[in-house]
Amino acid sequence: PRILDVGCGTGPAAVPLAVATGGTVTGVDLHE
């Protein structure tokens, strides 16, 4: 699946979602 994590921070959801689903994740945040 194509996953979008809005307000991703350092990836506490984005990375596990990529691991669990095998999908691609775009994490969006304003804080570099």
Full PDB file with SEQRES, HELIX, SHEET, SSBOND, CRYST1, ORIGX, SCALE, CONECT and MASTER records, all heavy atoms in Angstrom:
SEQRES   1 A   32  PRO ARG ILE LEU ASP VAL GLY CYS GLY THR GLY PRO ALA          
SEQRES   2 A   32  ALA VAL PRO LEU ALA VAL ALA THR GLY GLY THR VAL THR          
SEQRES   3 A   32  GLY VAL ASP LEU HIS GLU                                      
HELIX    1 AA1 ALA A   14  THR A   21  1                                   8    
SHEET    1 AA1 2 ARG A   2  VAL A   6  0                                        
SHEET    2 AA1 2 THR A  24  VAL A  28  1                                        
CRYST1    1.000    1.000    1.000  90.00  90.00  90.00 P 1           1          
ORIGX1      1.000000  0.000000  0.000000        0.00000                         
ORIGX2      0.000000  1.000000  0.000000        0.00000                         
ORIGX3      0.000000  0.000000  1.000000        0.00000                         
SCALE1      1.000000  0.000000  0.000000        0.00000                         
SCALE2      0.000000  1.000000  0.000000        0.00000                         
SCALE3      0.000000  0.000000  1.000000        0.00000                         
ATOM      1  N   PRO A   1       0.814  -1.224   0.000  1.00  0.00           N  
ATOM      2  CA  PRO A   1       0.000   0.000   0.000  1.00  0.00           C  
ATOM      3  C   PRO A   1       0.844   1.270   0.000  1.00  0.00           C  
ATOM      4  O   PRO A   1       1.976   1.291   0.492  1.00  0.00           O  
ATOM      5  CB  PRO A   1      -0.788  -0.118   1.309  1.00  0.00           C  
ATOM      6  CG  PRO A   1       0.062  -0.987   2.190  1.00  0.00           C  
ATOM      7  CD  PRO A   1       0.687  -1.976   1.254  1.00  0.00           C  
ATOM      8  N   ARG A   2       0.251   2.303  -0.546  1.00  0.00           N  
ATOM      9  CA  ARG A   2       0.862   3.630  -0.530  1.00  0.00           C  
ATOM     10  C   ARG A   2       0.360   4.343   0.724  1.00  0.00           C  
ATOM     11  O   ARG A   2      -0.846   4.603   0.850  1.00  0.00           O  
ATOM     12  CB  ARG A   2       0.478   4.397  -1.785  1.00  0.00           C  
ATOM     13  CG  ARG A   2       0.944   3.721  -3.081  1.00  0.00           C  
ATOM     14  CD  ARG A   2       0.167   4.216  -4.273  1.00  0.00           C  
ATOM     15  NE  ARG A   2      -1.258   3.858  -4.189  1.00  0.00           N  
ATOM     16  CZ  ARG A   2      -2.165   4.161  -5.103  1.00  0.00           C  
ATOM     17  NH1 ARG A   2      -1.799   4.835  -6.186  1.00  0.00           N  
ATOM     18  NH2 ARG A   2      -3.428   3.812  -4.947  1.00  0.00           N  
ATOM     19  N   ILE A   3       1.268   4.646   1.634  1.00  0.00           N  
ATOM     20  CA  ILE A   3       0.912   5.165   2.951  1.00  0.00           C  
ATOM     21  C   ILE A   3       1.447   6.585   3.107  1.00  0.00           C  
ATOM     22  O   ILE A   3       2.580   6.881   2.714  1.00  0.00           O  
ATOM     23  CB  ILE A   3       1.483   4.261   4.059  1.00  0.00           C  
ATOM     24  CG1 ILE A   3       0.930   2.837   3.904  1.00  0.00           C  
ATOM     25  CG2 ILE A   3       1.151   4.812   5.445  1.00  0.00           C  
ATOM     26  CD1 ILE A   3       1.610   1.814   4.810  1.00  0.00           C  
ATOM     27  N   LEU A   4       0.628   7.446   3.686  1.00  0.00           N  
ATOM     28  CA  LEU A   4       1.021   8.823   3.979  1.00  0.00           C  
ATOM     29  C   LEU A   4       0.860   9.048   5.476  1.00  0.00           C  
ATOM     30  O   LEU A   4      -0.231   8.883   6.020  1.00  0.00           O  
ATOM     31  CB  LEU A   4       0.143   9.808   3.199  1.00  0.00           C  
ATOM     32  CG  LEU A   4       0.436  11.299   3.390  1.00  0.00           C  
ATOM     33  CD1 LEU A   4       1.791  11.650   2.798  1.00  0.00           C  
ATOM     34  CD2 LEU A   4      -0.665  12.151   2.747  1.00  0.00           C  
ATOM     35  N   ASP A   5       1.958   9.394   6.156  1.00  0.00           N  
ATOM     36  CA  ASP A   5       1.937   9.666   7.592  1.00  0.00           C  
ATOM     37  C   ASP A   5       2.090  11.175   7.779  1.00  0.00           C  
ATOM     38  O   ASP A   5       3.161  11.737   7.563  1.00  0.00           O  
ATOM     39  CB  ASP A   5       3.069   8.907   8.289  1.00  0.00           C  
ATOM     40  CG  ASP A   5       3.051   9.068   9.805  1.00  0.00           C  
ATOM     41  OD1 ASP A   5       2.148   9.759  10.322  1.00  0.00           O  
ATOM     42  OD2 ASP A   5       3.941   8.504  10.461  1.00  0.00           O  
ATOM     43  N   VAL A   6       0.995  11.815   8.185  1.00  0.00           N  
ATOM     44  CA  VAL A   6       0.967  13.278   8.306  1.00  0.00           C  
ATOM     45  C   VAL A   6       1.351  13.671   9.736  1.00  0.00           C  
ATOM     46  O   VAL A   6       0.734  13.224  10.694  1.00  0.00           O  
ATOM     47  CB  VAL A   6      -0.427  13.820   7.953  1.00  0.00           C  
ATOM     48  CG1 VAL A   6      -0.434  15.347   8.081  1.00  0.00           C  
ATOM     49  CG2 VAL A   6      -0.828  13.402   6.550  1.00  0.00           C  
ATOM     50  N   GLY A   7       2.360  14.527   9.853  1.00  0.00           N  
ATOM     51  CA  GLY A   7       2.892  14.855  11.162  1.00  0.00           C  
ATOM     52  C   GLY A   7       3.682  13.683  11.705  1.00  0.00           C  
ATOM     53  O   GLY A   7       3.530  13.265  12.848  1.00  0.00           O  
ATOM     54  N   CYS A   8       4.591  13.176  10.889  1.00  0.00           N  
ATOM     55  CA  CYS A   8       5.241  11.894  11.151  1.00  0.00           C  
ATOM     56  C   CYS A   8       6.265  11.935  12.268  1.00  0.00           C  
ATOM     57  O   CYS A   8       6.628  10.883  12.819  1.00  0.00           O  
ATOM     58  CB  CYS A   8       5.905  11.371   9.881  1.00  0.00           C  
ATOM     59  SG  CYS A   8       7.274  12.415   9.284  1.00  0.00           S  
ATOM     60  N   GLY A   9       6.782  13.127  12.623  1.00  0.00           N  
ATOM     61  CA  GLY A   9       7.843  13.185  13.618  1.00  0.00           C  
ATOM     62  C   GLY A   9       9.040  12.369  13.166  1.00  0.00           C  
ATOM     63  O   GLY A   9       9.430  12.381  12.001  1.00  0.00           O  
ATOM     64  N   THR A  10       9.604  11.613  14.094  1.00  0.00           N  
ATOM     65  CA  THR A  10      10.782  10.799  13.784  1.00  0.00           C  
ATOM     66  C   THR A  10      10.410   9.391  13.327  1.00  0.00           C  
ATOM     67  O   THR A  10      11.286   8.528  13.229  1.00  0.00           O  
ATOM     68  CB  THR A  10      11.712  10.710  15.003  1.00  0.00           C  
ATOM     69  OG1 THR A  10      10.984  10.149  16.107  1.00  0.00           O  
ATOM     70  CG2 THR A  10      12.238  12.085  15.389  1.00  0.00           C  
ATOM     71  N   GLY A  11       9.128   9.159  13.073  1.00  0.00           N  
ATOM     72  CA  GLY A  11       8.718   7.896  12.468  1.00  0.00           C  
ATOM     73  C   GLY A  11       8.251   6.789  13.387  1.00  0.00           C  
ATOM     74  O   GLY A  11       8.356   5.622  13.008  1.00  0.00           O  
ATOM     75  N   PRO A  12       7.696   7.089  14.582  1.00  0.00           N  
ATOM     76  CA  PRO A  12       7.213   6.002  15.435  1.00  0.00           C  
ATOM     77  C   PRO A  12       6.072   5.213  14.816  1.00  0.00           C  
ATOM     78  O   PRO A  12       5.848   4.060  15.175  1.00  0.00           O  
ATOM     79  CB  PRO A  12       6.761   6.721  16.707  1.00  0.00           C  
ATOM     80  CG  PRO A  12       6.494   8.126  16.292  1.00  0.00           C  
ATOM     81  CD  PRO A  12       7.503   8.411  15.217  1.00  0.00           C  
ATOM     82  N   ALA A  13       5.351   5.817  13.861  1.00  0.00           N  
ATOM     83  CA  ALA A  13       4.329   5.085  13.113  1.00  0.00           C  
ATOM     84  C   ALA A  13       4.808   4.744  11.708  1.00  0.00           C  
ATOM     85  O   ALA A  13       4.596   3.632  11.226  1.00  0.00           O  
ATOM     86  CB  ALA A  13       3.032   5.894  13.039  1.00  0.00           C  
ATOM     87  N   ALA A  14       5.453   5.689  11.048  1.00  0.00           N  
ATOM     88  CA  ALA A  14       5.829   5.506   9.637  1.00  0.00           C  
ATOM     89  C   ALA A  14       6.682   4.267   9.426  1.00  0.00           C  
ATOM     90  O   ALA A  14       6.435   3.465   8.510  1.00  0.00           O  
ATOM     91  CB  ALA A  14       6.571   6.745   9.123  1.00  0.00           C  
ATOM     92  N   VAL A  15       7.692   4.085  10.275  1.00  0.00           N  
ATOM     93  CA  VAL A  15       8.602   2.956  10.081  1.00  0.00           C  
ATOM     94  C   VAL A  15       7.924   1.622  10.384  1.00  0.00           C  
ATOM     95  O   VAL A  15       7.999   0.692   9.576  1.00  0.00           O  
ATOM     96  CB  VAL A  15       9.889   3.157  10.900  1.00  0.00           C  
ATOM     97  CG1 VAL A  15      10.751   1.901  10.865  1.00  0.00           C  
ATOM     98  CG2 VAL A  15      10.672   4.357  10.364  1.00  0.00           C  
ATOM     99  N   PRO A  16       7.217   1.462  11.509  1.00  0.00           N  
ATOM    100  CA  PRO A  16       6.498   0.206  11.736  1.00  0.00           C  
ATOM    101  C   PRO A  16       5.447  -0.092  10.674  1.00  0.00           C  
ATOM    102  O   PRO A  16       5.214  -1.258  10.343  1.00  0.00           O  
ATOM    103  CB  PRO A  16       5.850   0.411  13.106  1.00  0.00           C  
ATOM    104  CG  PRO A  16       6.720   1.399  13.797  1.00  0.00           C  
ATOM    105  CD  PRO A  16       7.186   2.324  12.705  1.00  0.00           C  
ATOM    106  N   LEU A  17       4.814   0.939  10.132  1.00  0.00           N  
ATOM    107  CA  LEU A  17       3.838   0.711   9.062  1.00  0.00           C  
ATOM    108  C   LEU A  17       4.518   0.142   7.823  1.00  0.00           C  
ATOM    109  O   LEU A  17       3.984  -0.743   7.156  1.00  0.00           O  
ATOM    110  CB  LEU A  17       3.108   2.010   8.723  1.00  0.00           C  
ATOM    111  CG  LEU A  17       2.073   2.485   9.748  1.00  0.00           C  
ATOM    112  CD1 LEU A  17       1.588   3.892   9.401  1.00  0.00           C  
ATOM    113  CD2 LEU A  17       0.884   1.524   9.817  1.00  0.00           C  
ATOM    114  N   ALA A  18       5.696   0.656   7.496  1.00  0.00           N  
ATOM    115  CA  ALA A  18       6.437   0.123   6.354  1.00  0.00           C  
ATOM    116  C   ALA A  18       6.815  -1.334   6.598  1.00  0.00           C  
ATOM    117  O   ALA A  18       6.691  -2.180   5.701  1.00  0.00           O  
ATOM    118  CB  ALA A  18       7.690   0.959   6.099  1.00  0.00           C  
ATOM    119  N   VAL A  19       7.255  -1.631   7.822  1.00  0.00           N  
ATOM    120  CA  VAL A  19       7.647  -2.999   8.160  1.00  0.00           C  
ATOM    121  C   VAL A  19       6.445  -3.936   8.104  1.00  0.00           C  
ATOM    122  O   VAL A  19       6.513  -5.038   7.541  1.00  0.00           O  
ATOM    123  CB  VAL A  19       8.292  -3.037   9.558  1.00  0.00           C  
ATOM    124  CG1 VAL A  19       8.531  -4.479  10.002  1.00  0.00           C  
ATOM    125  CG2 VAL A  19       9.600  -2.256   9.573  1.00  0.00           C  
ATOM    126  N   ALA A  20       5.314  -3.494   8.681  1.00  0.00           N  
ATOM    127  CA  ALA A  20       4.154  -4.363   8.818  1.00  0.00           C  
ATOM    128  C   ALA A  20       3.434  -4.621   7.506  1.00  0.00           C  
ATOM    129  O   ALA A  20       2.884  -5.702   7.292  1.00  0.00           O  
ATOM    130  CB  ALA A  20       3.176  -3.770   9.834  1.00  0.00           C  
ATOM    131  N   THR A  21       3.410  -3.626   6.613  1.00  0.00           N  
ATOM    132  CA  THR A  21       2.597  -3.737   5.404  1.00  0.00           C  
ATOM    133  C   THR A  21       3.385  -4.077   4.156  1.00  0.00           C  
ATOM    134  O   THR A  21       2.799  -4.507   3.154  1.00  0.00           O  
ATOM    135  CB  THR A  21       1.845  -2.418   5.138  1.00  0.00           C  
ATOM    136  OG1 THR A  21       2.794  -1.392   4.810  1.00  0.00           O  
ATOM    137  CG2 THR A  21       1.027  -2.001   6.347  1.00  0.00           C  
ATOM    138  N   GLY A  22       4.692  -3.859   4.171  1.00  0.00           N  
ATOM    139  CA  GLY A  22       5.472  -4.024   2.955  1.00  0.00           C  
ATOM    140  C   GLY A  22       5.259  -2.907   1.961  1.00  0.00           C  
ATOM    141  O   GLY A  22       5.728  -2.974   0.821  1.00  0.00           O  
ATOM    142  N   GLY A  23       4.545  -1.846   2.390  1.00  0.00           N  
ATOM    143  CA  GLY A  23       4.250  -0.744   1.494  1.00  0.00           C  
ATOM    144  C   GLY A  23       5.291   0.349   1.518  1.00  0.00           C  
ATOM    145  O   GLY A  23       6.319   0.244   2.190  1.00  0.00           O  
ATOM    146  N   THR A  24       5.015   1.402   0.769  1.00  0.00           N  
ATOM    147  CA  THR A  24       5.869   2.581   0.752  1.00  0.00           C  
ATOM    148  C   THR A  24       5.217   3.657   1.606  1.00  0.00           C  
ATOM    149  O   THR A  24       3.998   3.842   1.568  1.00  0.00           O  
ATOM    150  CB  THR A  24       6.065   3.104  -0.670  1.00  0.00           C  
ATOM    151  OG1 THR A  24       4.780   3.401  -1.247  1.00  0.00           O  
ATOM    152  CG2 THR A  24       6.767   2.083  -1.532  1.00  0.00           C  
ATOM    153  N   VAL A  25       6.032   4.367   2.377  1.00  0.00           N  
ATOM    154  CA  VAL A  25       5.515   5.366   3.305  1.00  0.00           C  
ATOM    155  C   VAL A  25       6.163   6.712   3.029  1.00  0.00           C  
ATOM    156  O   VAL A  25       7.395   6.811   2.943  1.00  0.00           O  
ATOM    157  CB  VAL A  25       5.782   4.965   4.769  1.00  0.00           C  
ATOM    158  CG1 VAL A  25       5.192   6.007   5.717  1.00  0.00           C  
ATOM    159  CG2 VAL A  25       5.205   3.583   5.072  1.00  0.00           C  
ATOM    160  N   THR A  26       5.332   7.734   2.892  1.00  0.00           N  
ATOM    161  CA  THR A  26       5.803   9.111   2.836  1.00  0.00           C  
ATOM    162  C   THR A  26       5.450   9.774   4.157  1.00  0.00           C  
ATOM    163  O   THR A  26       4.277   9.864   4.512  1.00  0.00           O  
ATOM    164  CB  THR A  26       5.158   9.879   1.672  1.00  0.00           C  
ATOM    165  OG1 THR A  26       5.477   9.239   0.439  1.00  0.00           O  
ATOM    166  CG2 THR A  26       5.652  11.322   1.639  1.00  0.00           C  
ATOM    167  N   GLY A  27       6.473  10.191   4.880  1.00  0.00           N  
ATOM    168  CA  GLY A  27       6.256  10.897   6.137  1.00  0.00           C  
ATOM    169  C   GLY A  27       6.384  12.386   5.918  1.00  0.00           C  
ATOM    170  O   GLY A  27       7.361  12.854   5.331  1.00  0.00           O  
ATOM    171  N   VAL A  28       5.386  13.131   6.386  1.00  0.00           N  
ATOM    172  CA  VAL A  28       5.359  14.577   6.180  1.00  0.00           C  
ATOM    173  C   VAL A  28       5.477  15.289   7.524  1.00  0.00           C  
ATOM    174  O   VAL A  28       4.743  14.992   8.468  1.00  0.00           O  
ATOM    175  CB  VAL A  28       4.057  15.011   5.484  1.00  0.00           C  
ATOM    176  CG1 VAL A  28       4.001  16.529   5.341  1.00  0.00           C  
ATOM    177  CG2 VAL A  28       3.929  14.343   4.125  1.00  0.00           C  
ATOM    178  N   ASP A  29       6.411  16.230   7.610  1.00  0.00           N  
ATOM    179  CA  ASP A  29       6.575  17.046   8.810  1.00  0.00           C  
ATOM    180  C   ASP A  29       7.305  18.322   8.412  1.00  0.00           C  
ATOM    181  O   ASP A  29       8.070  18.319   7.439  1.00  0.00           O  
ATOM    182  CB  ASP A  29       7.377  16.286   9.867  1.00  0.00           C  
ATOM    183  CG  ASP A  29       7.045  16.739  11.290  1.00  0.00           C  
ATOM    184  OD1 ASP A  29       7.337  17.898  11.620  1.00  0.00           O  
ATOM    185  OD2 ASP A  29       6.478  15.934  12.046  1.00  0.00           O  
ATOM    186  N   LEU A  30       7.063  19.392   9.142  1.00  0.00           N  
ATOM    187  CA  LEU A  30       7.739  20.655   8.834  1.00  0.00           C  
ATOM    188  C   LEU A  30       9.066  20.791   9.558  1.00  0.00           C  
ATOM    189  O   LEU A  30       9.881  21.637   9.192  1.00  0.00           O  
ATOM    190  CB  LEU A  30       6.827  21.843   9.212  1.00  0.00           C  
ATOM    191  CG  LEU A  30       5.776  22.241   8.185  1.00  0.00           C  
ATOM    192  CD1 LEU A  30       4.866  23.321   8.757  1.00  0.00           C  
ATOM    193  CD2 LEU A  30       6.418  22.721   6.889  1.00  0.00           C  
ATOM    194  N   HIS A  31       9.296  19.984  10.581  1.00  0.00           N  
ATOM    195  CA  HIS A  31      10.506  20.119  11.390  1.00  0.00           C  
ATOM    196  C   HIS A  31      11.601  19.228  10.806  1.00  0.00           C  
ATOM    197  O   HIS A  31      11.539  18.000  10.921  1.00  0.00           O  
ATOM    198  CB  HIS A  31      10.194  19.735  12.836  1.00  0.00           C  
ATOM    199  CG  HIS A  31      11.279  20.068  13.814  1.00  0.00           C  
ATOM    200  ND1 HIS A  31      11.835  21.325  13.916  1.00  0.00           N  
ATOM    201  CD2 HIS A  31      11.921  19.301  14.747  1.00  0.00           C  
ATOM    202  CE1 HIS A  31      12.748  21.331  14.861  1.00  0.00           C  
ATOM    203  NE2 HIS A  31      12.837  20.124  15.370  1.00  0.00           N  
ATOM    204  N   GLU A  32      12.583  19.825  10.196  1.00  0.00           N  
ATOM    205  CA  GLU A  32      13.625  19.070   9.485  1.00  0.00           C  
ATOM    206  C   GLU A  32      14.374  18.077  10.386  1.00  0.00           C  
ATOM    207  O   GLU A  32      14.665  16.953   9.950  1.00  0.00           O  
ATOM    208  CB  GLU A  32      14.610  20.035   8.826  1.00  0.00           C  
ATOM    209  CG  GLU A  32      14.010  20.878   7.703  1.00  0.00           C  
ATOM    210  CD  GLU A  32      13.916  20.126   6.383  1.00  0.00           C  
ATOM    211  OE1 GLU A  32      14.262  18.934   6.350  1.00  0.00           O  
ATOM    212  OE2 GLU A  32      13.492  20.751   5.394  1.00  0.00           O  
TER     213      GLU A  32                                                      
MASTER        0    0    0    1    2    0    0    6  212    1    0    3          
END                                                                             
